[in-house]
Amino acid sequence: MAHTEGKTMVSRAISVDQDDIQTLKGIQDRGVKFDMRKALDDSPENLEHLLKKDNLI
């Protein structure tokens, strides 16, 4: 989920487009919990919160 043209940066480490969002939501709907961070010592960030914050869902 590297930042490229057409993607929205939702955190220091994650950039998404609509295809990424659909894929992540599908995985999350199967019960997988995401712990988004750039490095292990960073504070974890909630995927749904990040997407809602940027009005992506």
Protein backbone atom coordinates (compact mmCIF):
# COMPACT_ATOMS: atom_id res chain seq x y z
CA MET A 1 0.00 0.00 0.00
CA ALA A 2 2.75 2.33 -0.99
CA HIS A 3 1.83 5.87 -1.93
CA THR A 4 1.37 6.34 -5.66
CA GLU A 5 -0.64 8.74 -7.79
CA GLY A 6 -4.36 8.28 -7.23
CA LYS A 7 -4.04 6.94 -3.69
CA THR A 8 -4.97 8.73 -0.48
CA MET A 9 -2.46 8.69 2.36
CA VAL A 10 -4.35 7.69 5.54
CA SER A 11 -1.30 7.33 7.83
CA ARG A 12 2.48 7.66 7.69
CA ALA A 13 2.67 4.12 6.33
CA ILE A 14 -0.58 3.47 4.45
CA SER A 15 -1.99 4.87 1.20
CA VAL A 16 -5.14 3.43 -0.32
CA ASP A 17 -7.39 3.63 -3.35
CA GLN A 18 -10.93 2.23 -3.70
CA ASP A 19 -9.64 -1.23 -4.70
CA ASP A 20 -7.47 -1.36 -1.57
CA ILE A 21 -10.40 -0.27 0.60
CA GLN A 22 -12.68 -2.96 -0.84
CA THR A 23 -10.00 -5.62 -0.34
CA LEU A 24 -9.25 -4.56 3.24
CA LYS A 25 -12.96 -4.37 4.14
CA GLY A 26 -13.52 -7.86 2.69
CA ILE A 27 -10.70 -9.26 4.81
CA GLN A 28 -11.92 -7.36 7.87
CA ASP A 29 -15.46 -8.69 7.31
CA ARG A 30 -14.01 -12.20 7.71
CA GLY A 31 -12.90 -11.33 11.24
CA VAL A 32 -9.30 -10.30 10.64
CA LYS A 33 -8.21 -7.39 12.84
CA PHE A 34 -5.67 -4.94 11.45
CA ASP A 35 -2.89 -3.33 13.47
CA MET A 36 -1.63 -0.52 11.24
CA ARG A 37 1.80 0.92 11.98
CA LYS A 38 5.00 1.78 10.16
CA ALA A 39 7.37 0.24 12.71
CA LEU A 40 6.82 -2.19 15.57
CA ASP A 41 7.44 0.48 18.20
CA ASP A 42 4.83 2.86 16.68
CA SER A 43 1.39 3.06 18.30
CA PRO A 44 -1.14 0.85 16.49
CA GLU A 45 -3.82 2.60 14.44
CA ASN A 46 -7.33 1.29 13.75
CA LEU A 47 -8.01 0.77 10.02
CA GLU A 48 -11.68 1.73 10.15
CA HIS A 49 -10.89 4.91 12.10
CA LEU A 50 -8.24 5.92 9.54
CA LEU A 51 -10.63 5.42 6.62
CA LYS A 52 -13.50 7.24 8.34
CA LYS A 53 -11.21 10.12 9.32
CA ASP A 54 -10.50 10.78 5.63
CA ASN A 55 -14.14 10.16 4.61
CA LEU A 56 -13.18 7.09 2.57
CA ILE A 57 -15.92 4.90 4.05
